[in-house]
Amino acid sequence: MKLRKSTFKERVTQIGDTEVVHRTVPIYVTLIFVLVLMAIIFIIGMMIGYGILHSPIDIFKPSTWQHLRELTGSGS
């Protein structure tokens, strides 16, 4: 039976008595991925929340946001 190789390559170095595992994916790629994922989840959440009483697609209309600003008092 063959063992599969790991898809992620890890580079391990020894510093003194401590093993240090280096990142295989740069931190900025991870941050960009997390930010994009957060934006997508925010939009889907807004569509679900607004879609309970109204049409979910209306969340993309500027008139909806203007109405929300007027309701909360931050429109002035």
N, C-alpha and C. Protein backbone atom coordinates (compact mmCIF):
# COMPACT_ATOMS: atom_id res chain seq x y z
N MET A 1 0.84 -1.17 0.00
CA MET A 1 0.00 0.00 0.00
C MET A 1 0.90 1.24 0.00
N LYS A 2 0.62 2.16 -0.94
CA LYS A 2 1.40 3.40 -1.03
C LYS A 2 0.81 4.46 -0.13
N LEU A 3 1.66 5.23 0.49
CA LEU A 3 1.21 6.36 1.29
C LEU A 3 1.19 7.60 0.42
N ARG A 4 0.17 8.41 0.58
CA ARG A 4 0.08 9.65 -0.20
C ARG A 4 1.05 10.68 0.34
N LYS A 5 1.57 11.46 -0.57
CA LYS A 5 2.41 12.58 -0.15
C LYS A 5 1.51 13.74 0.25
N SER A 6 1.96 14.51 1.18
CA SER A 6 1.21 15.69 1.62
C SER A 6 1.17 16.71 0.50
N THR A 7 0.02 17.37 0.31
CA THR A 7 -0.08 18.38 -0.73
C THR A 7 0.60 19.67 -0.32
N PHE A 8 0.78 19.87 0.97
CA PHE A 8 1.46 21.06 1.45
C PHE A 8 2.88 20.68 1.85
N LYS A 9 3.82 21.41 1.33
CA LYS A 9 5.21 21.16 1.69
C LYS A 9 5.56 22.01 2.90
N GLU A 10 6.14 21.39 3.88
CA GLU A 10 6.54 22.11 5.07
C GLU A 10 8.06 22.12 5.13
N ARG A 11 8.56 23.26 5.48
CA ARG A 11 10.00 23.38 5.65
C ARG A 11 10.26 23.50 7.14
N VAL A 12 10.98 22.57 7.67
CA VAL A 12 11.26 22.54 9.10
C VAL A 12 12.74 22.79 9.30
N THR A 13 13.05 23.74 10.15
CA THR A 13 14.44 24.01 10.49
C THR A 13 14.61 23.87 12.00
N GLN A 14 15.81 23.68 12.38
CA GLN A 14 16.13 23.49 13.80
C GLN A 14 16.86 24.74 14.29
N ILE A 15 16.32 25.39 15.31
CA ILE A 15 16.98 26.52 15.94
C ILE A 15 17.20 26.14 17.39
N GLY A 16 18.41 25.85 17.71
CA GLY A 16 18.71 25.36 19.05
C GLY A 16 18.06 24.00 19.24
N ASP A 17 17.23 23.88 20.26
CA ASP A 17 16.51 22.63 20.51
C ASP A 17 15.08 22.68 20.00
N THR A 18 14.70 23.78 19.30
CA THR A 18 13.32 23.97 18.88
C THR A 18 13.19 23.75 17.38
N GLU A 19 12.16 22.99 16.99
CA GLU A 19 11.86 22.83 15.58
C GLU A 19 10.93 23.96 15.15
N VAL A 20 11.24 24.62 14.03
CA VAL A 20 10.44 25.72 13.51
C VAL A 20 9.84 25.28 12.18
N VAL A 21 8.49 25.31 12.09
CA VAL A 21 7.79 24.95 10.86
C VAL A 21 7.44 26.25 10.14
N HIS A 22 7.90 26.39 8.90
CA HIS A 22 7.67 27.61 8.12
C HIS A 22 6.35 27.50 7.36
N ARG A 23 5.72 28.62 7.12
CA ARG A 23 4.44 28.67 6.42
C ARG A 23 4.61 28.23 4.96
N THR A 24 3.60 27.52 4.47
CA THR A 24 3.60 27.16 3.06
C THR A 24 2.77 28.15 2.25
N VAL A 25 1.80 28.80 2.90
CA VAL A 25 0.98 29.82 2.26
C VAL A 25 1.33 31.14 2.93
N PRO A 26 1.73 32.15 2.13
CA PRO A 26 2.08 33.44 2.73
C PRO A 26 0.92 34.05 3.51
N ILE A 27 1.23 34.80 4.53
CA ILE A 27 0.22 35.38 5.41
C ILE A 27 -0.69 36.35 4.67
N TYR A 28 -0.17 37.09 3.68
CA TYR A 28 -1.02 38.04 2.97
C TYR A 28 -2.05 37.32 2.10
N VAL A 29 -1.74 36.15 1.58
CA VAL A 29 -2.72 35.37 0.83
C VAL A 29 -3.83 34.90 1.77
N THR A 30 -3.47 34.48 2.95
CA THR A 30 -4.44 34.05 3.94
C THR A 30 -5.34 35.22 4.35
N LEU A 31 -4.76 36.39 4.57
CA LEU A 31 -5.55 37.56 4.97
C LEU A 31 -6.52 37.99 3.87
N ILE A 32 -6.06 38.00 2.62
CA ILE A 32 -6.93 38.36 1.51
C ILE A 32 -8.08 37.37 1.40
N PHE A 33 -7.77 36.08 1.55
CA PHE A 33 -8.81 35.06 1.49
C PHE A 33 -9.84 35.26 2.59
N VAL A 34 -9.40 35.54 3.79
CA VAL A 34 -10.32 35.75 4.92
C VAL A 34 -11.18 37.00 4.70
N LEU A 35 -10.60 38.08 4.21
CA LEU A 35 -11.37 39.31 3.97
C LEU A 35 -12.42 39.12 2.88
N VAL A 36 -12.07 38.43 1.81
CA VAL A 36 -13.03 38.16 0.75
C VAL A 36 -14.15 37.27 1.27
N LEU A 37 -13.80 36.26 2.04
CA LEU A 37 -14.80 35.38 2.61
C LEU A 37 -15.73 36.13 3.56
N MET A 38 -15.19 37.05 4.35
CA MET A 38 -16.02 37.86 5.25
C MET A 38 -16.99 38.74 4.47
N ALA A 39 -16.53 39.34 3.36
CA ALA A 39 -17.40 40.18 2.54
C ALA A 39 -18.53 39.37 1.93
N ILE A 40 -18.22 38.17 1.45
CA ILE A 40 -19.25 37.32 0.86
C ILE A 40 -20.27 36.91 1.91
N ILE A 41 -19.81 36.54 3.08
CA ILE A 41 -20.72 36.13 4.15
C ILE A 41 -21.57 37.32 4.62
N PHE A 42 -21.00 38.52 4.65
CA PHE A 42 -21.75 39.71 5.02
C PHE A 42 -22.88 39.97 4.03
N ILE A 43 -22.58 39.89 2.75
CA ILE A 43 -23.59 40.14 1.72
C ILE A 43 -24.70 39.09 1.79
N ILE A 44 -24.32 37.82 1.96
CA ILE A 44 -25.33 36.76 2.06
C ILE A 44 -26.19 36.96 3.31
N GLY A 45 -25.58 37.35 4.41
CA GLY A 45 -26.33 37.61 5.64
C GLY A 45 -27.29 38.77 5.49
N MET A 46 -26.85 39.83 4.81
CA MET A 46 -27.74 40.96 4.58
C MET A 46 -28.93 40.55 3.70
N MET A 47 -28.66 39.73 2.70
CA MET A 47 -29.73 39.28 1.82
C MET A 47 -30.74 38.40 2.57
N ILE A 48 -30.23 37.54 3.44
CA ILE A 48 -31.14 36.69 4.22
C ILE A 48 -31.94 37.53 5.21
N GLY A 49 -31.27 38.42 5.92
CA GLY A 49 -31.95 39.24 6.91
C GLY A 49 -32.98 40.16 6.31
N TYR A 50 -32.66 40.81 5.21
CA TYR A 50 -33.60 41.72 4.57
C TYR A 50 -34.66 40.94 3.80
N GLY A 51 -34.30 39.76 3.34
CA GLY A 51 -35.22 38.96 2.54
C GLY A 51 -36.34 38.34 3.32
N ILE A 52 -36.27 38.36 4.65
CA ILE A 52 -37.36 37.81 5.46
C ILE A 52 -38.64 38.62 5.23
N LEU A 53 -38.52 39.94 5.15
CA LEU A 53 -39.70 40.79 4.97
C LEU A 53 -39.85 41.34 3.56
N HIS A 54 -38.75 41.44 2.83
CA HIS A 54 -38.76 42.05 1.50
C HIS A 54 -38.02 41.16 0.53
N SER A 55 -37.83 41.66 -0.66
CA SER A 55 -37.07 40.92 -1.68
C SER A 55 -35.58 40.99 -1.36
N PRO A 56 -34.86 39.86 -1.35
CA PRO A 56 -33.43 39.87 -1.01
C PRO A 56 -32.58 40.68 -1.98
N ILE A 57 -33.01 40.79 -3.23
CA ILE A 57 -32.23 41.53 -4.23
C ILE A 57 -32.31 43.04 -3.97
N ASP A 58 -33.33 43.49 -3.26
CA ASP A 58 -33.48 44.92 -2.97
C ASP A 58 -32.35 45.47 -2.11
N ILE A 59 -31.58 44.61 -1.48
CA ILE A 59 -30.50 45.08 -0.61
C ILE A 59 -29.41 45.79 -1.42
N PHE A 60 -29.36 45.54 -2.72
CA PHE A 60 -28.36 46.17 -3.58
C PHE A 60 -28.81 47.52 -4.14
N LYS A 61 -30.05 47.92 -3.87
CA LYS A 61 -30.56 49.20 -4.37
C LYS A 61 -30.16 50.33 -3.43
N PRO A 62 -29.67 51.44 -3.96
CA PRO A 62 -29.31 52.58 -3.11
C PRO A 62 -30.50 53.14 -2.33
N SER A 63 -31.70 53.04 -2.88
CA SER A 63 -32.88 53.56 -2.18
C SER A 63 -33.12 52.80 -0.88
N THR A 64 -32.79 51.52 -0.86
CA THR A 64 -32.94 50.74 0.37
C THR A 64 -32.02 51.25 1.45
N TRP A 65 -30.78 51.52 1.10
CA TRP A 65 -29.80 52.02 2.08
C TRP A 65 -30.17 53.42 2.55
N GLN A 66 -30.70 54.25 1.64
CA GLN A 66 -31.13 55.59 2.03
C GLN A 66 -32.28 55.49 3.03
N HIS A 67 -33.21 54.58 2.79
CA HIS A 67 -34.33 54.38 3.70
C HIS A 67 -33.84 53.89 5.07
N LEU A 68 -32.87 52.98 5.07
CA LEU A 68 -32.32 52.48 6.34
C LEU A 68 -31.62 53.60 7.11
N ARG A 69 -30.90 54.47 6.40
CA ARG A 69 -30.24 55.60 7.06
C ARG A 69 -31.26 56.56 7.66
N GLU A 70 -32.37 56.76 6.97
CA GLU A 70 -33.42 57.64 7.49
C GLU A 70 -34.07 57.03 8.74
N LEU A 71 -34.27 55.72 8.72
CA LEU A 71 -34.89 55.04 9.87
C LEU A 71 -34.01 55.09 11.11
N THR A 72 -32.70 55.00 10.92
CA THR A 72 -31.81 54.99 12.06
C THR A 72 -31.40 56.38 12.51
N GLY A 73 -31.75 57.39 11.73
CA GLY A 73 -31.43 58.76 12.11
C GLY A 73 -30.04 59.19 11.70
N SER A 74 -29.33 58.37 10.95
CA SER A 74 -27.99 58.75 10.51
C SER A 74 -27.99 59.34 9.10
N GLY A 75 -29.15 59.66 8.58
CA GLY A 75 -29.25 60.19 7.22
C GLY A 75 -28.98 61.69 7.13
N SER A 76 -28.89 62.37 8.27
CA SER A 76 -28.69 63.83 8.22
C SER A 76 -27.25 64.22 8.31
